[in-house]
PDB file of N, CA and C in Angstrom:
ATOM      1  N   MET A   1     -14.267  30.994  21.448  1.00  0.00           N
ATOM      2  CA  MET A   1     -13.624  29.727  21.684  1.00  0.00           C
ATOM      3  C   MET A   1     -12.689  29.400  20.575  1.00  0.00           C
ATOM      4  N   THR A   2     -11.458  29.112  20.834  1.00  0.00           N
ATOM      5  CA  THR A   2     -10.479  28.732  19.852  1.00  0.00           C
ATOM      6  C   THR A   2     -10.447  27.305  19.592  1.00  0.00           C
ATOM      7  N   GLN A   3     -10.470  26.903  18.340  1.00  0.00           N
ATOM      8  CA  GLN A   3     -10.499  25.485  17.993  1.00  0.00           C
ATOM      9  C   GLN A   3      -9.039  25.060  17.674  1.00  0.00           C
ATOM     10  N   THR A   4      -8.601  23.981  18.304  1.00  0.00           N
ATOM     11  CA  THR A   4      -7.300  23.395  17.942  1.00  0.00           C
ATOM     12  C   THR A   4      -7.465  22.572  16.762  1.00  0.00           C
ATOM     13  N   ILE A   5      -6.523  22.808  15.841  1.00  0.00           N
ATOM     14  CA  ILE A   5      -6.456  21.973  14.587  1.00  0.00           C
ATOM     15  C   ILE A   5      -5.491  20.997  14.710  1.00  0.00           C
ATOM     16  N   PHE A   6      -5.895  19.714  14.466  1.00  0.00           N
ATOM     17  CA  PHE A   6      -5.081  18.552  14.518  1.00  0.00           C
ATOM     18  C   PHE A   6      -4.282  18.489  13.174  1.00  0.00           C
ATOM     19  N   ARG A   7      -2.994  18.677  13.298  1.00  0.00           N
ATOM     20  CA  ARG A   7      -2.134  18.666  12.134  1.00  0.00           C
ATOM     21  C   ARG A   7      -1.060  17.632  12.261  1.00  0.00           C
ATOM     22  N   PRO A   8      -1.343  16.430  11.963  1.00  0.00           N
ATOM     23  CA  PRO A   8      -0.322  15.366  12.116  1.00  0.00           C
ATOM     24  C   PRO A   8       0.673  15.327  11.007  1.00  0.00           C
ATOM     25  N   THR A   9       1.803  14.684  11.230  1.00  0.00           N
ATOM     26  CA  THR A   9       2.656  14.381  10.183  1.00  0.00           C
ATOM     27  C   THR A   9       2.286  12.997   9.710  1.00  0.00           C
ATOM     28  N   ILE A  10       2.049  12.848   8.424  1.00  0.00           N
ATOM     29  CA  ILE A  10       1.684  11.593   7.846  1.00  0.00           C
ATOM     30  C   ILE A  10       2.926  10.973   7.298  1.00  0.00           C
ATOM     31  N   MET A  11       3.233   9.703   7.714  1.00  0.00           N
ATOM     32  CA  MET A  11       4.400   9.076   7.267  1.00  0.00           C
ATOM     33  C   MET A  11       3.994   7.745   6.678  1.00  0.00           C
ATOM     34  N   LYS A  12       4.470   7.463   5.518  1.00  0.00           N
ATOM     35  CA  LYS A  12       4.204   6.171   4.873  1.00  0.00           C
ATOM     36  C   LYS A  12       5.464   5.460   4.518  1.00  0.00           C
ATOM     37  N   PHE A  13       5.552   4.177   4.904  1.00  0.00           N
ATOM     38  CA  PHE A  13       6.636   3.359   4.659  1.00  0.00           C
ATOM     39  C   PHE A  13       6.217   2.058   3.975  1.00  0.00           C
ATOM     40  N   GLY A  14       7.038   1.509   3.116  1.00  0.00           N
ATOM     41  CA  GLY A  14       6.811   0.253   2.492  1.00  0.00           C
ATOM     42  C   GLY A  14       8.054  -0.200   1.806  1.00  0.00           C
ATOM     43  N   GLY A  15       7.941  -1.404   1.188  1.00  0.00           N
ATOM     44  CA  GLY A  15       9.131  -1.867   0.351  1.00  0.00           C
ATOM     45  C   GLY A  15      10.380  -2.129   1.254  1.00  0.00           C
ATOM     46  N   THR A  16      11.531  -1.580   0.779  1.00  0.00           N
ATOM     47  CA  THR A  16      12.730  -1.873   1.439  1.00  0.00           C
ATOM     48  C   THR A  16      12.860  -1.163   2.879  1.00  0.00           C
ATOM     49  N   SER A  17      11.942  -0.194   3.069  1.00  0.00           N
ATOM     50  CA  SER A  17      11.976   0.440   4.387  1.00  0.00           C
ATOM     51  C   SER A  17      11.299  -0.406   5.476  1.00  0.00           C
ATOM     52  N   VAL A  18      10.683  -1.491   5.052  1.00  0.00           N
ATOM     53  CA  VAL A  18      10.017  -2.432   6.005  1.00  0.00           C
ATOM     54  C   VAL A  18      10.385  -3.859   5.549  1.00  0.00           C
ATOM     55  N   GLN A  19      11.598  -4.060   5.036  1.00  0.00           N
ATOM     56  CA  GLN A  19      11.935  -5.363   4.493  1.00  0.00           C
ATOM     57  C   GLN A  19      12.354  -6.394   5.552  1.00  0.00           C
ATOM     58  N   ASP A  20      12.843  -6.037   6.748  1.00  0.00           N
ATOM     59  CA  ASP A  20      13.270  -6.887   7.702  1.00  0.00           C
ATOM     60  C   ASP A  20      13.341  -6.154   9.100  1.00  0.00           C
ATOM     61  N   SER A  21      13.725  -6.903  10.166  1.00  0.00           N
ATOM     62  CA  SER A  21      13.783  -6.280  11.483  1.00  0.00           C
ATOM     63  C   SER A  21      14.684  -5.067  11.621  1.00  0.00           C
ATOM     64  N   ALA A  22      15.796  -5.082  10.932  1.00  0.00           N
ATOM     65  CA  ALA A  22      16.701  -3.912  10.943  1.00  0.00           C
ATOM     66  C   ALA A  22      16.020  -2.716  10.343  1.00  0.00           C
ATOM     67  N   ALA A  23      15.327  -2.872   9.215  1.00  0.00           N
ATOM     68  CA  ALA A  23      14.556  -1.801   8.575  1.00  0.00           C
ATOM     69  C   ALA A  23      13.489  -1.262   9.452  1.00  0.00           C
ATOM     70  N   PHE A  24      12.733  -2.180  10.194  1.00  0.00           N
ATOM     71  CA  PHE A  24      11.740  -1.781  11.076  1.00  0.00           C
ATOM     72  C   PHE A  24      12.327  -0.967  12.234  1.00  0.00           C
ATOM     73  N   ARG A  25      13.470  -1.384  12.686  1.00  0.00           N
ATOM     74  CA  ARG A  25      14.179  -0.658  13.814  1.00  0.00           C
ATOM     75  C   ARG A  25      14.430   0.782  13.348  1.00  0.00           C
ATOM     76  N   ARG A  26      14.965   0.962  12.104  1.00  0.00           N
ATOM     77  CA  ARG A  26      15.188   2.355  11.601  1.00  0.00           C
ATOM     78  C   ARG A  26      13.804   3.084  11.474  1.00  0.00           C
ATOM     79  N   LEU A  27      12.833   2.400  10.945  1.00  0.00           N
ATOM     80  CA  LEU A  27      11.508   3.066  10.841  1.00  0.00           C
ATOM     81  C   LEU A  27      11.055   3.546  12.185  1.00  0.00           C
ATOM     82  N   LEU A  28      11.168   2.745  13.260  1.00  0.00           N
ATOM     83  CA  LEU A  28      10.686   3.169  14.567  1.00  0.00           C
ATOM     84  C   LEU A  28      11.532   4.359  15.042  1.00  0.00           C
ATOM     85  N   GLU A  29      12.779   4.408  14.829  1.00  0.00           N
ATOM     86  CA  GLU A  29      13.640   5.547  15.255  1.00  0.00           C
ATOM     87  C   GLU A  29      13.125   6.812  14.534  1.00  0.00           C
ATOM     88  N   ILE A  30      12.814   6.705  13.302  1.00  0.00           N
ATOM     89  CA  ILE A  30      12.350   7.900  12.547  1.00  0.00           C
ATOM     90  C   ILE A  30      10.962   8.351  13.082  1.00  0.00           C
ATOM     91  N   VAL A  31      10.083   7.375  13.286  1.00  0.00           N
ATOM     92  CA  VAL A  31       8.807   7.748  13.795  1.00  0.00           C
ATOM     93  C   VAL A  31       8.840   8.349  15.235  1.00  0.00           C
ATOM     94  N   GLU A  32       9.694   7.708  16.129  1.00  0.00           N
ATOM     95  CA  GLU A  32       9.787   8.229  17.462  1.00  0.00           C
ATOM     96  C   GLU A  32      10.338   9.653  17.430  1.00  0.00           C
ATOM     97  N   ALA A  33      11.348   9.918  16.580  1.00  0.00           N
ATOM     98  CA  ALA A  33      11.873  11.319  16.551  1.00  0.00           C
ATOM     99  C   ALA A  33      10.867  12.287  16.104  1.00  0.00           C
ATOM    100  N   GLN A  34      10.034  11.923  15.115  1.00  0.00           N
ATOM    101  CA  GLN A  34       9.024  12.828  14.570  1.00  0.00           C
ATOM    102  C   GLN A  34       7.894  12.978  15.530  1.00  0.00           C
ATOM    103  N   SER A  35       7.500  11.904  16.237  1.00  0.00           N
ATOM    104  CA  SER A  35       6.377  12.013  17.135  1.00  0.00           C
ATOM    105  C   SER A  35       6.652  12.852  18.409  1.00  0.00           C
ATOM    106  N   ALA A  36       7.957  13.144  18.690  1.00  0.00           N
ATOM    107  CA  ALA A  36       8.328  13.965  19.731  1.00  0.00           C
ATOM    108  C   ALA A  36       7.969  15.486  19.379  1.00  0.00           C
ATOM    109  N   LYS A  37       7.843  15.746  18.057  1.00  0.00           N
ATOM    110  CA  LYS A  37       7.526  17.067  17.584  1.00  0.00           C
ATOM    111  C   LYS A  37       6.061  17.308  17.308  1.00  0.00           C
ATOM    112  N   THR A  38       5.488  16.316  16.575  1.00  0.00           N
ATOM    113  CA  THR A  38       4.031  16.408  16.178  1.00  0.00           C
ATOM    114  C   THR A  38       3.453  15.049  16.265  1.00  0.00           C
ATOM    115  N   PRO A  39       2.069  14.958  16.297  1.00  0.00           N
ATOM    116  CA  PRO A  39       1.497  13.662  16.209  1.00  0.00           C
ATOM    117  C   PRO A  39       1.699  13.067  14.883  1.00  0.00           C
ATOM    118  N   VAL A  40       1.787  11.761  14.841  1.00  0.00           N
ATOM    119  CA  VAL A  40       2.137  11.056  13.635  1.00  0.00           C
ATOM    120  C   VAL A  40       0.986  10.116  13.215  1.00  0.00           C
ATOM    121  N   VAL A  41       0.647  10.136  12.003  1.00  0.00           N
ATOM    122  CA  VAL A  41      -0.182   9.086  11.426  1.00  0.00           C
ATOM    123  C   VAL A  41       0.723   8.183  10.620  1.00  0.00           C
ATOM    124  N   LEU A  42       0.778   6.910  10.925  1.00  0.00           N
ATOM    125  CA  LEU A  42       1.696   6.021  10.251  1.00  0.00           C
ATOM    126  C   LEU A  42       0.954   5.092   9.306  1.00  0.00           C
ATOM    127  N   VAL A  43       1.386   4.977   8.092  1.00  0.00           N
ATOM    128  CA  VAL A  43       0.842   4.085   7.095  1.00  0.00           C
ATOM    129  C   VAL A  43       2.055   3.187   6.694  1.00  0.00           C
ATOM    130  N   VAL A  44       1.753   1.818   6.762  1.00  0.00           N
ATOM    131  CA  VAL A  44       2.732   0.845   6.336  1.00  0.00           C
ATOM    132  C   VAL A  44       2.170  -0.020   5.292  1.00  0.00           C
ATOM    133  N   SER A  45       2.869  -0.128   4.163  1.00  0.00           N
ATOM    134  CA  SER A  45       2.395  -1.086   3.115  1.00  0.00           C
ATOM    135  C   SER A  45       3.263  -2.340   3.096  1.00  0.00           C
ATOM    136  N   ALA A  46       3.208  -3.103   2.088  1.00  0.00           N
ATOM    137  CA  ALA A  46       3.841  -4.343   1.976  1.00  0.00           C
ATOM    138  C   ALA A  46       5.354  -4.279   2.187  1.00  0.00           C
ATOM    139  N   MET A  47       5.843  -5.308   2.800  1.00  0.00           N
ATOM    140  CA  MET A  47       7.357  -5.569   2.884  1.00  0.00           C
ATOM    141  C   MET A  47       7.907  -5.690   1.464  1.00  0.00           C
ATOM    142  N   SER A  48       9.193  -5.406   1.350  1.00  0.00           N
ATOM    143  CA  SER A  48       9.894  -5.529   0.031  1.00  0.00           C
ATOM    144  C   SER A  48       9.631  -6.852  -0.575  1.00  0.00           C
ATOM    145  N   GLY A  49       9.163  -6.853  -1.830  1.00  0.00           N
ATOM    146  CA  GLY A  49       8.987  -8.028  -2.615  1.00  0.00           C
ATOM    147  C   GLY A  49       7.712  -8.843  -2.377  1.00  0.00           C
ATOM    148  N   VAL A  50       6.911  -8.505  -1.316  1.00  0.00           N
ATOM    149  CA  VAL A  50       5.790  -9.290  -1.006  1.00  0.00           C
ATOM    150  C   VAL A  50       4.681  -9.163  -2.052  1.00  0.00           C
ATOM    151  N   THR A  51       4.420  -7.973  -2.602  1.00  0.00           N
ATOM    152  CA  THR A  51       3.363  -7.748  -3.583  1.00  0.00           C
ATOM    153  C   THR A  51       3.777  -8.602  -4.858  1.00  0.00           C
ATOM    154  N   ASN A  52       5.021  -8.404  -5.283  1.00  0.00           N
ATOM    155  CA  ASN A  52       5.468  -9.235  -6.432  1.00  0.00           C
ATOM    156  C   ASN A  52       5.422 -10.675  -6.229  1.00  0.00           C
ATOM    157  N   SER A  53       5.754 -11.154  -5.059  1.00  0.00           N
ATOM    158  CA  SER A  53       5.716 -12.556  -4.732  1.00  0.00           C
ATOM    159  C   SER A  53       4.245 -13.113  -4.751  1.00  0.00           C
ATOM    160  N   LEU A  54       3.305 -12.266  -4.229  1.00  0.00           N
ATOM    161  CA  LEU A  54       1.930 -12.728  -4.285  1.00  0.00           C
ATOM    162  C   LEU A  54       1.439 -12.833  -5.698  1.00  0.00           C
ATOM    163  N   LEU A  55       1.744 -11.826  -6.517  1.00  0.00           N
ATOM    164  CA  LEU A  55       1.289 -11.900  -7.905  1.00  0.00           C
ATOM    165  C   LEU A  55       1.856 -13.096  -8.691  1.00  0.00           C
ATOM    166  N   ALA A  56       3.167 -13.293  -8.490  1.00  0.00           N
ATOM    167  CA  ALA A  56       3.864 -14.352  -9.124  1.00  0.00           C
ATOM    168  C   ALA A  56       3.297 -15.731  -8.646  1.00  0.00           C
ATOM    169  N   ALA A  57       3.034 -15.842  -7.352  1.00  0.00           N
ATOM    170  CA  ALA A  57       2.567 -17.135  -6.871  1.00  0.00           C
ATOM    171  C   ALA A  57       1.105 -17.369  -7.370  1.00  0.00           C
ATOM    172  N   ALA A  58       0.317 -16.277  -7.526  1.00  0.00           N
ATOM    173  CA  ALA A  58      -1.003 -16.452  -8.103  1.00  0.00           C
ATOM    174  C   ALA A  58      -0.988 -16.917  -9.473  1.00  0.00           C
ATOM    175  N   ALA A  59      -0.042 -16.347 -10.236  1.00  0.00           N
ATOM    176  CA  ALA A  59       0.125 -16.741 -11.661  1.00  0.00           C
ATOM    177  C   ALA A  59       0.605 -18.215 -11.798  1.00  0.00           C
ATOM    178  N   GLN A  60       1.470 -18.613 -10.855  1.00  0.00           N
ATOM    179  CA  GLN A  60       1.948 -19.968 -10.829  1.00  0.00           C
ATOM    180  C   GLN A  60       0.871 -20.949 -10.525  1.00  0.00           C
ATOM    181  N   ALA A  61       0.075 -20.558  -9.517  1.00  0.00           N
ATOM    182  CA  ALA A  61      -1.055 -21.406  -9.141  1.00  0.00           C
ATOM    183  C   ALA A  61      -2.103 -21.486 -10.305  1.00  0.00           C
ATOM    184  N   ALA A  62      -2.330 -20.499 -11.013  1.00  0.00           N
ATOM    185  CA  ALA A  62      -3.254 -20.355 -12.116  1.00  0.00           C
ATOM    186  C   ALA A  62      -2.882 -21.269 -13.248  1.00  0.00           C
ATOM    187  N   VAL A  63      -1.563 -21.595 -13.404  1.00  0.00           N
ATOM    188  CA  VAL A  63      -1.173 -22.554 -14.478  1.00  0.00           C
ATOM    189  C   VAL A  63      -1.015 -23.870 -13.956  1.00  0.00           C
ATOM    190  N   GLY A  64      -1.511 -24.196 -12.738  1.00  0.00           N
ATOM    191  CA  GLY A  64      -1.550 -25.597 -12.248  1.00  0.00           C
ATOM    192  C   GLY A  64      -0.424 -25.960 -11.322  1.00  0.00           C
ATOM    193  N   ASP A  65       0.234 -25.119 -10.694  1.00  0.00           N
ATOM    194  CA  ASP A  65       1.251 -25.469  -9.694  1.00  0.00           C
ATOM    195  C   ASP A  65       1.052 -24.810  -8.402  1.00  0.00           C
ATOM    196  N   PRO A  66      -0.010 -25.241  -7.722  1.00  0.00           N
ATOM    197  CA  PRO A  66      -0.326 -24.551  -6.386  1.00  0.00           C
ATOM    198  C   PRO A  66       0.733 -24.864  -5.348  1.00  0.00           C
ATOM    199  N   GLU A  67       1.338 -26.038  -5.368  1.00  0.00           N
ATOM    200  CA  GLU A  67       2.359 -26.366  -4.370  1.00  0.00           C
ATOM    201  C   GLU A  67       3.569 -25.467  -4.546  1.00  0.00           C
ATOM    202  N   GLY A  68       3.992 -25.307  -5.888  1.00  0.00           N
ATOM    203  CA  GLY A  68       5.140 -24.378  -6.059  1.00  0.00           C
ATOM    204  C   GLY A  68       4.803 -22.999  -5.715  1.00  0.00           C
ATOM    205  N   ALA A  69       3.595 -22.623  -5.979  1.00  0.00           N
ATOM    206  CA  ALA A  69       3.192 -21.199  -5.646  1.00  0.00           C
ATOM    207  C   ALA A  69       3.220 -21.027  -4.161  1.00  0.00           C
ATOM    208  N   LEU A  70       2.746 -21.954  -3.377  1.00  0.00           N
ATOM    209  CA  LEU A  70       2.763 -21.853  -1.907  1.00  0.00           C
ATOM    210  C   LEU A  70       4.200 -21.853  -1.391  1.00  0.00           C
ATOM    211  N   ALA A  71       4.983 -22.650  -1.980  1.00  0.00           N
ATOM    212  CA  ALA A  71       6.406 -22.792  -1.475  1.00  0.00           C
ATOM    213  C   ALA A  71       7.128 -21.370  -1.822  1.00  0.00           C
ATOM    214  N   SER A  72       6.719 -20.792  -2.878  1.00  0.00           N
ATOM    215  CA  SER A  72       7.460 -19.515  -3.168  1.00  0.00           C
ATOM    216  C   SER A  72       7.043 -18.374  -2.224  1.00  0.00           C
ATOM    217  N   LEU A  73       5.990 -18.585  -1.542  1.00  0.00           N
ATOM    218  CA  LEU A  73       5.538 -17.564  -0.590  1.00  0.00           C
ATOM    219  C   LEU A  73       6.121 -17.783   0.827  1.00  0.00           C
ATOM    220  N   GLU A  74       6.660 -18.893   1.056  1.00  0.00           N
ATOM    221  CA  GLU A  74       7.241 -19.213   2.394  1.00  0.00           C
ATOM    222  C   GLU A  74       8.213 -18.134   2.891  1.00  0.00           C
ATOM    223  N   PRO A  75       9.159 -17.701   2.104  1.00  0.00           N
ATOM    224  CA  PRO A  75      10.052 -16.716   2.653  1.00  0.00           C
ATOM    225  C   PRO A  75       9.369 -15.417   3.078  1.00  0.00           C
ATOM    226  N   SER A  76       8.285 -15.025   2.447  1.00  0.00           N
ATOM    227  CA  SER A  76       7.500 -13.822   2.837  1.00  0.00           C
ATOM    228  C   SER A  76       6.876 -14.095   4.188  1.00  0.00           C
ATOM    229  N   PHE A  77       6.218 -15.199   4.334  1.00  0.00           N
ATOM    230  CA  PHE A  77       5.620 -15.619   5.597  1.00  0.00           C
ATOM    231  C   PHE A  77       6.690 -15.620   6.759  1.00  0.00           C
ATOM    232  N   LEU A  78       7.841 -16.192   6.508  1.00  0.00           N
ATOM    233  CA  LEU A  78       8.883 -16.303   7.436  1.00  0.00           C
ATOM    234  C   LEU A  78       9.375 -14.906   7.890  1.00  0.00           C
ATOM    235  N   ARG A  79       9.527 -14.010   6.948  1.00  0.00           N
ATOM    236  CA  ARG A  79       9.951 -12.644   7.233  1.00  0.00           C
ATOM    237  C   ARG A  79       8.969 -11.942   8.186  1.00  0.00           C
ATOM    238  N   HIS A  80       7.663 -12.109   7.895  1.00  0.00           N
ATOM    239  CA  HIS A  80       6.675 -11.545   8.802  1.00  0.00           C
ATOM    240  C   HIS A  80       6.723 -12.081  10.211  1.00  0.00           C
ATOM    241  N   ILE A  81       6.968 -13.390  10.332  1.00  0.00           N
ATOM    242  CA  ILE A  81       7.108 -13.998  11.603  1.00  0.00           C
ATOM    243  C   ILE A  81       8.315 -13.485  12.335  1.00  0.00           C
ATOM    244  N   GLU A  82       9.464 -13.340  11.605  1.00  0.00           N
ATOM    245  CA  GLU A  82      10.664 -12.842  12.233  1.00  0.00           C
ATOM    246  C   GLU A  82      10.480 -11.400  12.776  1.00  0.00           C
ATOM    247  N   VAL A  83       9.960 -10.569  11.962  1.00  0.00           N
ATOM    248  CA  VAL A  83       9.774  -9.193  12.322  1.00  0.00           C
ATOM    249  C   VAL A  83       8.844  -9.087  13.509  1.00  0.00           C
ATOM    250  N   SER A  84       7.702  -9.758  13.411  1.00  0.00           N
ATOM    251  CA  SER A  84       6.726  -9.649  14.474  1.00  0.00           C
ATOM    252  C   SER A  84       7.165 -10.242  15.769  1.00  0.00           C
ATOM    253  N   GLU A  85       8.016 -11.294  15.721  1.00  0.00           N
ATOM    254  CA  GLU A  85       8.628 -11.885  16.911  1.00  0.00           C
ATOM    255  C   GLU A  85       9.604 -10.911  17.543  1.00  0.00           C
ATOM    256  N   THR A  86      10.300 -10.155  16.678  1.00  0.00           N
ATOM    257  CA  THR A  86      11.270  -9.192  17.250  1.00  0.00           C
ATOM    258  C   THR A  86      10.572  -8.021  17.930  1.00  0.00           C
ATOM    259  N   PHE A  87       9.497  -7.583  17.497  1.00  0.00           N
ATOM    260  CA  PHE A  87       8.924  -6.310  18.047  1.00  0.00           C
ATOM    261  C   PHE A  87       7.686  -6.452  18.849  1.00  0.00           C
ATOM    262  N   LEU A  88       7.016  -7.580  18.766  1.00  0.00           N
ATOM    263  CA  LEU A  88       5.746  -7.664  19.493  1.00  0.00           C
ATOM    264  C   LEU A  88       5.984  -8.474  20.755  1.00  0.00           C
ATOM    265  N   PRO A  89       5.201  -8.095  21.852  1.00  0.00           N
ATOM    266  CA  PRO A  89       5.286  -8.889  23.077  1.00  0.00           C
ATOM    267  C   PRO A  89       4.596 -10.228  22.838  1.00  0.00           C
ATOM    268  N   PRO A  90       4.962 -11.271  23.632  1.00  0.00           N
ATOM    269  CA  PRO A  90       4.507 -12.637  23.328  1.00  0.00           C
ATOM    270  C   PRO A  90       2.970 -12.758  23.015  1.00  0.00           C
ATOM    271  N   GLU A  91       2.077 -12.139  23.811  1.00  0.00           N
ATOM    272  CA  GLU A  91       0.678 -12.254  23.550  1.00  0.00           C
ATOM    273  C   GLU A  91       0.300 -11.683  22.227  1.00  0.00           C
ATOM    274  N   ALA A  92       0.785 -10.513  21.914  1.00  0.00           N
ATOM    275  CA  ALA A  92       0.437  -9.875  20.579  1.00  0.00           C
ATOM    276  C   ALA A  92       1.083 -10.669  19.411  1.00  0.00           C
ATOM    277  N   PHE A  93       2.303 -11.254  19.622  1.00  0.00           N
ATOM    278  CA  PHE A  93       2.959 -12.097  18.658  1.00  0.00           C
ATOM    279  C   PHE A  93       2.023 -13.280  18.393  1.00  0.00           C
ATOM    280  N   ASN A  94       1.520 -13.910  19.417  1.00  0.00           N
ATOM    281  CA  ASN A  94       0.679 -15.106  19.253  1.00  0.00           C
ATOM    282  C   ASN A  94      -0.642 -14.754  18.445  1.00  0.00           C
ATOM    283  N   ARG A  95      -1.210 -13.610  18.769  1.00  0.00           N
ATOM    284  CA  ARG A  95      -2.426 -13.118  18.032  1.00  0.00           C
ATOM    285  C   ARG A  95      -2.065 -12.904  16.515  1.00  0.00           C
ATOM    286  N   PHE A  96      -0.952 -12.198  16.299  1.00  0.00           N
ATOM    287  CA  PHE A  96      -0.526 -11.918  14.952  1.00  0.00           C
ATOM    288  C   PHE A  96      -0.225 -13.263  14.218  1.00  0.00           C
ATOM    289  N   ASN A  97       0.452 -14.166  14.853  1.00  0.00           N
ATOM    290  CA  ASN A  97       0.847 -15.416  14.255  1.00  0.00           C
ATOM    291  C   ASN A  97      -0.441 -16.222  13.861  1.00  0.00           C
ATOM    292  N   GLN A  98      -1.475 -16.188  14.700  1.00  0.00           N
ATOM    293  CA  GLN A  98      -2.713 -16.854  14.363  1.00  0.00           C
ATOM    294  C   GLN A  98      -3.375 -16.224  13.135  1.00  0.00           C
ATOM    295  N   ARG A  99      -3.304 -14.939  13.009  1.00  0.00           N
ATOM    296  CA  ARG A  99      -3.868 -14.269  11.813  1.00  0.00           C
ATOM    297  C   ARG A  99      -3.048 -14.574  10.587  1.00  0.00           C
ATOM    298  N   LEU A 100      -1.705 -14.668  10.720  1.00  0.00           N
ATOM    299  CA  LEU A 100      -0.865 -14.940   9.637  1.00  0.00           C
ATOM    300  C   LEU A 100      -1.088 -16.389   9.207  1.00  0.00           C
ATOM    301  N   ARG A 101      -1.295 -17.344  10.101  1.00  0.00           N
ATOM    302  CA  ARG A 101      -1.597 -18.655   9.735  1.00  0.00           C
ATOM    303  C   ARG A 101      -2.962 -18.748   8.962  1.00  0.00           C
ATOM    304  N   ALA A 102      -3.931 -17.982   9.527  1.00  0.00           N
ATOM    305  CA  ALA A 102      -5.214 -17.965   8.855  1.00  0.00           C
ATOM    306  C   ALA A 102      -5.111 -17.442   7.400  1.00  0.00           C
ATOM    307  N   ALA A 103      -4.268 -16.433   7.192  1.00  0.00           N
ATOM    308  CA  ALA A 103      -4.009 -15.877   5.837  1.00  0.00           C
ATOM    309  C   ALA A 103      -3.309 -16.931   5.001  1.00  0.00           C
ATOM    310  N   HIS A 104      -2.346 -17.654   5.571  1.00  0.00           N
ATOM    311  CA  HIS A 104      -1.744 -18.743   4.794  1.00  0.00           C
ATOM    312  C   HIS A 104      -2.746 -19.815   4.396  1.00  0.00           C
ATOM    313  N   ASN A 105      -3.651 -20.176   5.349  1.00  0.00           N
ATOM    314  CA  ASN A 105      -4.637 -21.156   5.074  1.00  0.00           C
ATOM    315  C   ASN A 105      -5.601 -20.713   3.946  1.00  0.00           C
ATOM    316  N   ASP A 106      -6.010 -19.418   4.029  1.00  0.00           N
ATOM    317  CA  ASP A 106      -6.830 -18.840   3.027  1.00  0.00           C
ATOM    318  C   ASP A 106      -6.168 -18.897   1.620  1.00  0.00           C
ATOM    319  N   ILE A 107      -4.945 -18.501   1.562  1.00  0.00           N
ATOM    320  CA  ILE A 107      -4.176 -18.567   0.306  1.00  0.00           C
ATOM    321  C   ILE A 107      -4.061 -19.955  -0.213  1.00  0.00           C
ATOM    322  N   THR A 108      -3.753 -20.861   0.625  1.00  0.00           N
ATOM    323  CA  THR A 108      -3.658 -22.332   0.265  1.00  0.00           C
ATOM    324  C   THR A 108      -4.967 -22.785  -0.347  1.00  0.00           C
ATOM    325  N   GLU A 109      -6.092 -22.529   0.399  1.00  0.00           N
ATOM    326  CA  GLU A 109      -7.379 -22.900  -0.085  1.00  0.00           C
ATOM    327  C   GLU A 109      -7.781 -22.314  -1.442  1.00  0.00           C
ATOM    328  N   LEU A 110      -7.376 -21.013  -1.616  1.00  0.00           N
ATOM    329  CA  LEU A 110      -7.635 -20.311  -2.845  1.00  0.00           C
ATOM    330  C   LEU A 110      -6.802 -20.955  -4.059  1.00  0.00           C
ATOM    331  N   PHE A 111      -5.600 -21.131  -3.780  1.00  0.00           N
ATOM    332  CA  PHE A 111      -4.704 -21.684  -4.855  1.00  0.00           C
ATOM    333  C   PHE A 111      -5.126 -23.101  -5.206  1.00  0.00           C
ATOM    334  N   VAL A 112      -5.418 -23.914  -4.202  1.00  0.00           N
ATOM    335  CA  VAL A 112      -5.739 -25.283  -4.491  1.00  0.00           C
ATOM    336  C   VAL A 112      -7.136 -25.358  -5.138  1.00  0.00           C
ATOM    337  N   SER A 113      -8.096 -24.658  -4.715  1.00  0.00           N
ATOM    338  CA  SER A 113      -9.406 -24.692  -5.281  1.00  0.00           C
ATOM    339  C   SER A 113      -9.453 -24.172  -6.766  1.00  0.00           C
ATOM    340  N   ASP A 114      -8.599 -23.186  -7.016  1.00  0.00           N
ATOM    341  CA  ASP A 114      -8.461 -22.590  -8.375  1.00  0.00           C
ATOM    342  C   ASP A 114      -7.826 -23.556  -9.369  1.00  0.00           C
ATOM    343  N   CYS A 115      -7.057 -24.536  -8.850  1.00  0.00           N
ATOM    344  CA  CYS A 115      -6.334 -25.408  -9.719  1.00  0.00           C
ATOM    345  C   CYS A 115      -7.159 -26.681  -9.994  1.00  0.00           C
ATOM    346  N   ARG A 116      -8.356 -26.826  -9.418  1.00  0.00           N
ATOM    347  CA  ARG A 116      -9.116 -27.985  -9.622  1.00  0.00           C
ATOM    348  C   ARG A 116     -10.095 -27.870 -10.838  1.00  0.00           C
TER     349      ARG A 116
END
């Protein structure tokens, strides 16, 4: 009996390659082209600037400015909404948006409680 070995192509994207809808569109084209040849395992990390924004906002909240910290994260949340709205069907977008709002609420609670 011959065993088939699963040899996928592993593709990892993050940063500027997932910074906005146009970048995601290019990513999808790359993945679709590769997946026609071999199975693909796709790994996606943070959008451009999100990790740095989270770290800066946490530092800002830690020195007593949770409102400013939260305001500084709004562009990141808005980018996630814009990209998800572009690529997800309405039902999936609604589920994603609920999870994003929950994450926003968790961050708000964390920043506000740490500043008390």
